[in-house]
Amino acid sequence: MKKNNATERDISKDFEGQKLTFDLFRFGENPPSQDNGADGQEGQVEDGTKKEAEVKTYTEEEVQKKIQSESDKRVTEALKTAKENWKKELEEEEKEKQRLAKLSEKERVNEDLQKKEKEIAELNAKLNLVNLERDTEDRLAEENIPREFKTFLMGSDAESTNENIKAFKPIFEDLVQKQVEERLKGKTPSGASKGDKPDAWSILRDKYK
């Protein structure tokens, strides 16, 4: 029952307060403002607009500091990567030393021999490639085929390269002849202009469209 009495008193006070405000308003008193929330929101919007309008500008010194900071960061990352690679190489070398230490004298000699043979084979392969490229260029010159076709016609060795050139030569000559005939008729073949030599790759492109 006490709880109900307290509630009734609170309600009565609230009602009396509202009644008093209403009476004062009737007699010309200004009622409490109800627009504080709206005014606050408008102020926040204005402040936000001002902040958006303010553009951050940097001095030349600040720009240089930012550039230097970014450069330092990249250098640090590059050094970190290099150190990691060096560490891996050292670890691999150490493992190899430990492995070789466990081998007998005969086993170490055999491994060294195999390693040297592998290096010699790699050098010979590079030398053979250089010679093959040179020989291919010479063969193309003999057959009046542009050098642009070297990588297209070069095989794994001189024999396969010669076979490729022999098979390609009649096709190339036929295409060139057709271009000459079209020019004599007053037409300009695609990929070429009057007075120019036929472009090697444009010929292939037109042939295999």
C-alpha atoms as a PDB file:
ATOM      1  CA  MET A   1       0.000   0.000   0.000  1.00  0.00           C
ATOM      2  CA  LYS A   2       2.887   2.371   0.712  1.00  0.00           C
ATOM      3  CA  LYS A   3       4.246   1.768  -2.779  1.00  0.00           C
ATOM      4  CA  ASN A   4       0.919   2.734  -4.333  1.00  0.00           C
ATOM      5  CA  ASN A   5       0.778   5.968  -2.288  1.00  0.00           C
ATOM      6  CA  ALA A   6       4.259   6.964  -3.499  1.00  0.00           C
ATOM      7  CA  THR A   7       3.277   6.383  -7.088  1.00  0.00           C
ATOM      8  CA  GLU A   8       0.140   8.451  -6.693  1.00  0.00           C
ATOM      9  CA  ARG A   9       2.173  11.328  -5.191  1.00  0.00           C
ATOM     10  CA  ASP A  10       4.658  11.227  -8.113  1.00  0.00           C
ATOM     11  CA  ILE A  11       1.855  11.302 -10.632  1.00  0.00           C
ATOM     12  CA  SER A  12       0.233  14.167  -8.770  1.00  0.00           C
ATOM     13  CA  LYS A  13       3.481  16.167  -8.786  1.00  0.00           C
ATOM     14  CA  ASP A  14       3.983  15.594 -12.485  1.00  0.00           C
ATOM     15  CA  PHE A  15       0.438  16.641 -13.211  1.00  0.00           C
ATOM     16  CA  GLU A  16       0.777  19.760 -11.059  1.00  0.00           C
ATOM     17  CA  GLY A  17       4.043  20.663 -12.803  1.00  0.00           C
ATOM     18  CA  GLN A  18       2.453  20.361 -16.203  1.00  0.00           C
ATOM     19  CA  LYS A  19      -0.544  22.380 -15.019  1.00  0.00           C
ATOM     20  CA  LEU A  20       1.750  25.090 -13.651  1.00  0.00           C
ATOM     21  CA  THR A  21       3.637  25.348 -16.915  1.00  0.00           C
ATOM     22  CA  PHE A  22       0.396  25.598 -18.817  1.00  0.00           C
ATOM     23  CA  ASP A  23      -0.879  28.349 -16.496  1.00  0.00           C
ATOM     24  CA  LEU A  24       2.313  30.376 -16.876  1.00  0.00           C
ATOM     25  CA  PHE A  25       2.127  30.092 -20.630  1.00  0.00           C
ATOM     26  CA  ARG A  26      -1.431  31.401 -20.562  1.00  0.00           C
ATOM     27  CA  PHE A  27      -0.268  34.481 -18.653  1.00  0.00           C
ATOM     28  CA  GLY A  28       2.559  35.354 -21.032  1.00  0.00           C
ATOM     29  CA  GLU A  29       5.500  33.459 -19.496  1.00  0.00           C
ATOM     30  CA  ASN A  30       7.818  31.769 -21.957  1.00  0.00           C
ATOM     31  CA  PRO A  31       7.511  28.004 -21.744  1.00  0.00           C
ATOM     32  CA  PRO A  32      10.628  25.831 -21.615  1.00  0.00           C
ATOM     33  CA  SER A  33      12.234  25.400 -25.017  1.00  0.00           C
ATOM     34  CA  GLN A  34      11.570  22.065 -26.724  1.00  0.00           C
ATOM     35  CA  ASP A  35      13.919  22.640 -29.674  1.00  0.00           C
ATOM     36  CA  ASN A  36      17.260  22.029 -27.941  1.00  0.00           C
ATOM     37  CA  GLY A  37      17.652  18.688 -29.713  1.00  0.00           C
ATOM     38  CA  ALA A  38      17.019  20.152 -33.155  1.00  0.00           C
ATOM     39  CA  ASP A  39      19.362  23.090 -32.510  1.00  0.00           C
ATOM     40  CA  GLY A  40      22.071  20.685 -31.398  1.00  0.00           C
ATOM     41  CA  GLN A  41      21.697  18.603 -34.510  1.00  0.00           C
ATOM     42  CA  GLU A  42      21.926  21.681 -36.727  1.00  0.00           C
ATOM     43  CA  GLY A  43      25.097  22.713 -34.921  1.00  0.00           C
ATOM     44  CA  GLN A  44      26.623  19.302 -35.452  1.00  0.00           C
ATOM     45  CA  VAL A  45      25.794  19.413 -39.165  1.00  0.00           C
ATOM     46  CA  GLU A  46      27.391  22.852 -39.485  1.00  0.00           C
ATOM     47  CA  ASP A  47      30.511  21.691 -37.646  1.00  0.00           C
ATOM     48  CA  GLY A  48      30.726  18.616 -39.875  1.00  0.00           C
ATOM     49  CA  THR A  49      30.405  20.768 -42.985  1.00  0.00           C
ATOM     50  CA  LYS A  50      33.175  23.048 -41.772  1.00  0.00           C
ATOM     51  CA  LYS A  51      35.437  20.083 -41.085  1.00  0.00           C
ATOM     52  CA  GLU A  52      34.821  18.695 -44.562  1.00  0.00           C
ATOM     53  CA  ALA A  53      35.588  22.080 -46.063  1.00  0.00           C
ATOM     54  CA  GLU A  54      38.939  22.176 -44.260  1.00  0.00           C
ATOM     55  CA  VAL A  55      41.460  20.439 -46.563  1.00  0.00           C
ATOM     56  CA  LYS A  56      44.689  19.208 -45.024  1.00  0.00           C
ATOM     57  CA  THR A  57      47.690  20.824 -46.692  1.00  0.00           C
ATOM     58  CA  TYR A  58      51.310  19.723 -46.344  1.00  0.00           C
ATOM     59  CA  THR A  59      54.464  21.753 -46.487  1.00  0.00           C
ATOM     60  CA  GLU A  60      57.339  20.686 -48.717  1.00  0.00           C
ATOM     61  CA  GLU A  61      59.228  19.552 -45.635  1.00  0.00           C
ATOM     62  CA  GLU A  62      56.328  17.334 -44.543  1.00  0.00           C
ATOM     63  CA  VAL A  63      56.061  15.836 -48.037  1.00  0.00           C
ATOM     64  CA  GLN A  64      59.796  15.081 -48.075  1.00  0.00           C
ATOM     65  CA  LYS A  65      59.512  13.431 -44.661  1.00  0.00           C
ATOM     66  CA  LYS A  66      56.689  11.209 -45.889  1.00  0.00           C
ATOM     67  CA  ILE A  67      58.669  10.251 -49.005  1.00  0.00           C
ATOM     68  CA  GLN A  68      61.756   9.523 -46.911  1.00  0.00           C
ATOM     69  CA  SER A  69      59.692   7.458 -44.487  1.00  0.00           C
ATOM     70  CA  GLU A  70      58.287   5.361 -47.334  1.00  0.00           C
ATOM     71  CA  SER A  71      61.766   4.927 -48.839  1.00  0.00           C
ATOM     72  CA  ASP A  72      63.184   3.851 -45.487  1.00  0.00           C
ATOM     73  CA  LYS A  73      60.358   1.366 -45.112  1.00  0.00           C
ATOM     74  CA  ARG A  74      61.087  -0.208 -48.517  1.00  0.00           C
ATOM     75  CA  VAL A  75      64.822  -0.352 -47.824  1.00  0.00           C
ATOM     76  CA  THR A  76      64.149  -2.020 -44.490  1.00  0.00           C
ATOM     77  CA  GLU A  77      61.916  -4.616 -46.131  1.00  0.00           C
ATOM     78  CA  ALA A  78      64.517  -5.270 -48.859  1.00  0.00           C
ATOM     79  CA  LEU A  79      67.267  -5.730 -46.267  1.00  0.00           C
ATOM     80  CA  LYS A  80      65.044  -8.054 -44.280  1.00  0.00           C
ATOM     81  CA  THR A  81      64.397 -10.200 -47.368  1.00  0.00           C
ATOM     82  CA  ALA A  82      68.108 -10.230 -48.258  1.00  0.00           C
ATOM     83  CA  LYS A  83      69.062 -11.296 -44.738  1.00  0.00           C
ATOM     84  CA  GLU A  84      66.523 -14.102 -44.846  1.00  0.00           C
ATOM     85  CA  ASN A  85      67.942 -15.312 -48.181  1.00  0.00           C
ATOM     86  CA  TRP A  86      71.513 -15.145 -46.868  1.00  0.00           C
ATOM     87  CA  LYS A  87      70.486 -17.061 -43.794  1.00  0.00           C
ATOM     88  CA  LYS A  88      68.919 -19.799 -45.923  1.00  0.00           C
ATOM     89  CA  GLU A  89      72.032 -20.020 -48.110  1.00  0.00           C
ATOM     90  CA  LEU A  90      74.290 -20.322 -45.073  1.00  0.00           C
ATOM     91  CA  GLU A  91      72.052 -23.003 -43.599  1.00  0.00           C
ATOM     92  CA  GLU A  92      72.112 -24.958 -46.873  1.00  0.00           C
ATOM     93  CA  GLU A  93      75.898 -24.644 -47.109  1.00  0.00           C
ATOM     94  CA  GLU A  94      76.256 -25.872 -43.549  1.00  0.00           C
ATOM     95  CA  LYS A  95      73.991 -28.837 -44.238  1.00  0.00           C
ATOM     96  CA  GLU A  96      76.030 -29.664 -47.351  1.00  0.00           C
ATOM     97  CA  LYS A  97      79.272 -29.531 -45.373  1.00  0.00           C
ATOM     98  CA  GLN A  98      77.832 -31.853 -42.759  1.00  0.00           C
ATOM     99  CA  ARG A  99      76.634 -34.240 -45.463  1.00  0.00           C
ATOM    100  CA  LEU A 100      80.006 -34.281 -47.225  1.00  0.00           C
ATOM    101  CA  ALA A 101      81.787 -34.835 -43.919  1.00  0.00           C
ATOM    102  CA  LYS A 102      79.919 -38.112 -43.536  1.00  0.00           C
ATOM    103  CA  LEU A 103      81.060 -39.363 -46.974  1.00  0.00           C
ATOM    104  CA  SER A 104      84.146 -41.396 -47.631  1.00  0.00           C
ATOM    105  CA  GLU A 105      87.023 -40.055 -49.718  1.00  0.00           C
ATOM    106  CA  LYS A 106      85.922 -42.097 -52.721  1.00  0.00           C
ATOM    107  CA  GLU A 107      82.313 -40.844 -52.461  1.00  0.00           C
ATOM    108  CA  ARG A 108      83.462 -37.222 -52.289  1.00  0.00           C
ATOM    109  CA  VAL A 109      85.646 -37.671 -55.381  1.00  0.00           C
ATOM    110  CA  ASN A 110      82.717 -39.179 -57.290  1.00  0.00           C
ATOM    111  CA  GLU A 111      80.436 -36.300 -56.305  1.00  0.00           C
ATOM    112  CA  ASP A 112      82.988 -33.714 -57.393  1.00  0.00           C
ATOM    113  CA  LEU A 113      83.372 -35.504 -60.700  1.00  0.00           C
ATOM    114  CA  GLN A 114      79.605 -35.571 -61.267  1.00  0.00           C
ATOM    115  CA  LYS A 115      79.346 -31.895 -60.382  1.00  0.00           C
ATOM    116  CA  LYS A 116      82.054 -30.964 -62.884  1.00  0.00           C
ATOM    117  CA  GLU A 117      80.448 -33.096 -65.570  1.00  0.00           C
ATOM    118  CA  LYS A 118      77.137 -31.331 -64.982  1.00  0.00           C
ATOM    119  CA  GLU A 119      78.769 -27.904 -65.276  1.00  0.00           C
ATOM    120  CA  ILE A 120      80.505 -28.942 -68.498  1.00  0.00           C
ATOM    121  CA  ALA A 121      77.219 -30.240 -69.933  1.00  0.00           C
ATOM    122  CA  GLU A 122      75.480 -26.943 -69.144  1.00  0.00           C
ATOM    123  CA  LEU A 123      78.265 -24.958 -70.806  1.00  0.00           C
ATOM    124  CA  ASN A 124      78.119 -27.184 -73.869  1.00  0.00           C
ATOM    125  CA  ALA A 125      74.348 -26.725 -74.077  1.00  0.00           C
ATOM    126  CA  LYS A 126      74.730 -22.940 -74.022  1.00  0.00           C
ATOM    127  CA  LEU A 127      77.467 -23.091 -76.651  1.00  0.00           C
ATOM    128  CA  ASN A 128      75.385 -25.371 -78.864  1.00  0.00           C
ATOM    129  CA  LEU A 129      72.441 -22.977 -78.598  1.00  0.00           C
ATOM    130  CA  VAL A 130      74.588 -20.043 -79.709  1.00  0.00           C
ATOM    131  CA  ASN A 131      75.941 -22.050 -82.644  1.00  0.00           C
ATOM    132  CA  LEU A 132      72.451 -23.238 -83.589  1.00  0.00           C
ATOM    133  CA  GLU A 133      71.096 -19.675 -83.613  1.00  0.00           C
ATOM    134  CA  ARG A 134      73.963 -18.558 -85.837  1.00  0.00           C
ATOM    135  CA  ASP A 135      73.543 -21.507 -88.204  1.00  0.00           C
ATOM    136  CA  THR A 136      69.781 -20.896 -88.369  1.00  0.00           C
ATOM    137  CA  GLU A 137      70.347 -17.272 -89.353  1.00  0.00           C
ATOM    138  CA  ASP A 138      72.766 -18.383 -92.074  1.00  0.00           C
ATOM    139  CA  ARG A 139      70.279 -20.929 -93.443  1.00  0.00           C
ATOM    140  CA  LEU A 140      67.474 -18.367 -93.474  1.00  0.00           C
ATOM    141  CA  ALA A 141      69.698 -15.952 -95.378  1.00  0.00           C
ATOM    142  CA  GLU A 142      70.481 -18.671 -97.935  1.00  0.00           C
ATOM    143  CA  GLU A 143      66.770 -19.350 -98.442  1.00  0.00           C
ATOM    144  CA  ASN A 144      65.851 -15.618 -98.560  1.00  0.00           C
ATOM    145  CA  ILE A 145      63.631 -15.940 -95.503  1.00  0.00           C
ATOM    146  CA  PRO A 146      63.572 -13.010 -93.027  1.00  0.00           C
ATOM    147  CA  ARG A 147      65.469 -13.461 -89.763  1.00  0.00           C
ATOM    148  CA  GLU A 148      62.273 -12.722 -87.840  1.00  0.00           C
ATOM    149  CA  PHE A 149      61.347 -16.366 -88.387  1.00  0.00           C
ATOM    150  CA  LYS A 150      64.421 -17.671 -86.542  1.00  0.00           C
ATOM    151  CA  THR A 151      62.722 -18.475 -83.232  1.00  0.00           C
ATOM    152  CA  PHE A 152      59.714 -19.842 -85.123  1.00  0.00           C
ATOM    153  CA  LEU A 153      61.743 -22.262 -87.265  1.00  0.00           C
ATOM    154  CA  MET A 154      64.681 -23.145 -85.035  1.00  0.00           C
ATOM    155  CA  GLY A 155      64.469 -26.698 -83.730  1.00  0.00           C
ATOM    156  CA  SER A 156      66.381 -28.610 -81.066  1.00  0.00           C
ATOM    157  CA  ASP A 157      69.313 -29.213 -83.405  1.00  0.00           C
ATOM    158  CA  ALA A 158      70.591 -28.401 -86.906  1.00  0.00           C
ATOM    159  CA  GLU A 159      68.776 -31.326 -88.519  1.00  0.00           C
ATOM    160  CA  SER A 160      65.315 -30.455 -87.188  1.00  0.00           C
ATOM    161  CA  THR A 161      65.926 -26.785 -88.012  1.00  0.00           C
ATOM    162  CA  ASN A 162      66.726 -27.612 -91.644  1.00  0.00           C
ATOM    163  CA  GLU A 163      63.566 -29.696 -91.891  1.00  0.00           C
ATOM    164  CA  ASN A 164      61.485 -26.808 -90.544  1.00  0.00           C
ATOM    165  CA  ILE A 165      63.027 -24.383 -93.022  1.00  0.00           C
ATOM    166  CA  LYS A 166      62.469 -26.733 -95.968  1.00  0.00           C
ATOM    167  CA  ALA A 167      58.812 -27.222 -95.018  1.00  0.00           C
ATOM    168  CA  PHE A 168      58.225 -23.518 -94.472  1.00  0.00           C
ATOM    169  CA  LYS A 169      59.997 -22.129 -97.551  1.00  0.00           C
ATOM    170  CA  PRO A 170      57.323 -23.031-100.174  1.00  0.00           C
ATOM    171  CA  ILE A 171      54.581 -21.655 -97.906  1.00  0.00           C
ATOM    172  CA  PHE A 172      56.491 -18.416 -97.430  1.00  0.00           C
ATOM    173  CA  GLU A 173      57.245 -18.045-101.157  1.00  0.00           C
ATOM    174  CA  ASP A 174      53.593 -18.666-102.025  1.00  0.00           C
ATOM    175  CA  LEU A 175      52.451 -15.973 -99.611  1.00  0.00           C
ATOM    176  CA  VAL A 176      55.007 -13.482-100.933  1.00  0.00           C
ATOM    177  CA  GLN A 177      53.938 -14.221-104.524  1.00  0.00           C
ATOM    178  CA  LYS A 178      50.308 -13.577-103.651  1.00  0.00           C
ATOM    179  CA  GLN A 179      51.225 -10.250-102.076  1.00  0.00           C
ATOM    180  CA  VAL A 180      53.166  -9.258-105.194  1.00  0.00           C
ATOM    181  CA  GLU A 181      50.195 -10.149-107.418  1.00  0.00           C
ATOM    182  CA  GLU A 182      47.818  -8.140-105.239  1.00  0.00           C
ATOM    183  CA  ARG A 183      50.103  -5.128-105.435  1.00  0.00           C
ATOM    184  CA  LEU A 184      50.295  -5.410-109.210  1.00  0.00           C
ATOM    185  CA  LYS A 185      46.504  -5.325-109.242  1.00  0.00           C
ATOM    186  CA  GLY A 186      46.586  -2.080-107.281  1.00  0.00           C
ATOM    187  CA  LYS A 187      45.626  -3.574-103.926  1.00  0.00           C
ATOM    188  CA  THR A 188      47.575  -3.104-100.720  1.00  0.00           C
ATOM    189  CA  PRO A 189      47.843  -6.348 -98.726  1.00  0.00           C
ATOM    190  CA  SER A 190      46.918  -6.119 -95.074  1.00  0.00           C
ATOM    191  CA  GLY A 191      49.885  -5.468 -92.815  1.00  0.00           C
ATOM    192  CA  ALA A 192      51.971  -3.837 -95.571  1.00  0.00           C
ATOM    193  CA  SER A 193      52.107  -0.552 -97.449  1.00  0.00           C
ATOM    194  CA  LYS A 194      53.253   0.188-100.978  1.00  0.00           C
ATOM    195  CA  GLY A 195      57.017   0.206-101.350  1.00  0.00           C
ATOM    196  CA  ASP A 196      57.599  -1.800 -98.135  1.00  0.00           C
ATOM    197  CA  LYS A 197      58.933  -5.335 -97.895  1.00  0.00           C
ATOM    198  CA  PRO A 198      56.381  -7.892 -96.727  1.00  0.00           C
ATOM    199  CA  ASP A 199      56.295  -8.066 -92.944  1.00  0.00           C
ATOM    200  CA  ALA A 200      57.123 -11.610 -91.840  1.00  0.00           C
ATOM    201  CA  TRP A 201      54.715 -11.849 -88.929  1.00  0.00           C
ATOM    202  CA  SER A 202      51.859 -10.123 -90.757  1.00  0.00           C
ATOM    203  CA  ILE A 203      52.179 -12.784 -93.473  1.00  0.00           C
ATOM    204  CA  LEU A 204      51.830 -15.554 -90.917  1.00  0.00           C
ATOM    205  CA  ARG A 205      48.946 -13.750 -89.225  1.00  0.00           C
ATOM    206  CA  ASP A 206      47.034 -13.423 -92.497  1.00  0.00           C
ATOM    207  CA  LYS A 207      47.798 -17.012 -93.410  1.00  0.00           C
ATOM    208  CA  TYR A 208      46.567 -18.564 -90.177  1.00  0.00           C
ATOM    209  CA  LYS A 209      43.628 -16.278 -89.318  1.00  0.00           C
END
